[in-house]
Each structure stands twice: as C-alpha cells, then as structure tokens.
C-alpha cells in the first residue's frame, strides 16, 4: 500500500490553520495588526494545496510563502525573509493535522500485515518531520519523497522505483491519493492500482474515473470486509 501525504494522510488546510496560530504566537508582537482569516487566506492561496501556483518565481512553495509574509503583512519590526522561511520549514511539519480516518486505516492494514509506505512530492526533511510529528513512522516500512528519490510523481518511473525498492510487483501495489493526475493516473500508468480520495481536486474528464472514496474510513471498511 502506498499513500500520498498531503490531503491524504494529512489535512493541508487544517494544518495551515494550526500554523497560523503558531505564527501569531511567535510574531504577533512584531506586527502592527493582523487578521487571522486574512493570514490563512494569504498562505492558503500561495500554498494551493501543497502544489504552489503556476509561474511561481521562487524556488519552492515555502519560499513564496515567506516572501509574501515579509512583503504583505503590516510589520512593526519585520523579521528577515530568511527567518520567515526558517519558521515555516521548522514549524509547519509540527502543525500537521491528521486526515480523519488516517490512524484507523493504518491500524487496520497493520493488523492484516499489509506493508505501507508513504510517497510524497516535496522536501525530504519536511516529509520526514511531518511523519514523525504525527506518529506515523511506526505504521510505515518507508517514507519516500521526490527530493530523496530524484523522481517526482506522476512520472511512472517514480512508482516503479518505489515498488522495486519495496520488493513488490507494481501490479500488487495500491496507491491512495487525492490528486487525479499526480497520484492516481501516475500510479495507473506505472501498472499500479489506485484509489482516488475525492474532495480536493476535480476529476479530469479525459481519464476514466477509478475506484474512489470520500473518506479514509470507507477504505478501512473495504479492507475489513475483504478480510472477512
């Protein structure tokens, strides 16, 4: 079993809400004024569900967020852009919020002795820190990032390489993710089966829709039924 991380095992928007609270705790005394809802909207728009915006002039999403926070907030005593970047890098993983049903499905898969790995695009240190902050390490045989692999979803080579490292044939792997193209179609093009977690992206009409779920609890119920 392969799981995406953001908006699959974690809830990105709720994680940003928690980060906003941390940000205000650490920086509010240096701001003239700030509206938490506006701050959440600024970060969410820049983050775009963990995918960033097309044409982003910065090297990463976190760099874009740090730049906008530095330029657009009403600072009394502004920290450097580098300090804001460092704050996001070290604080955001600790603000991660589990997707409802995440522990339930991971616990069920462990009971059934089914190996689980996480496959996520992004910086390896932040991926690992998020997994550790949420206590997911004990459920996973490995945590793969595009940074570590030098391969990125939806490239089919990414999924095939991970399956090879795990010692599992691609056709015996199931990928669960929220993004139709990056997670689902990418996995299918590599010979894996895939389940789409609805609610975060629209399904592109050019592709036939796969098995889909609205919640991870539905996946847990399916595996329990399969066992029985």
Foldseek 3Di string as FASTA:
>chain_A
DEEAPQPTFWDVLQLLLLVLVVCCVVCVVFAPDDDSVVLSVLLCQQCVSVPGDPPPPDPGSLLVNLVCCQPPGRGNHGDDSVVSSVCCQPPSLLSIHTFPCNVVQLVLCVVVVHAYEYEYEDDPVSQVSNCVSVVNPVSHPYYHYCNVVVHFFLALVSQCVVCVVVVHHLCVDEYEYADQRRTQVSSVVNNHHYEHAYDRDDHDPVDDDHHYDPGNVVVSVVSVVVVD
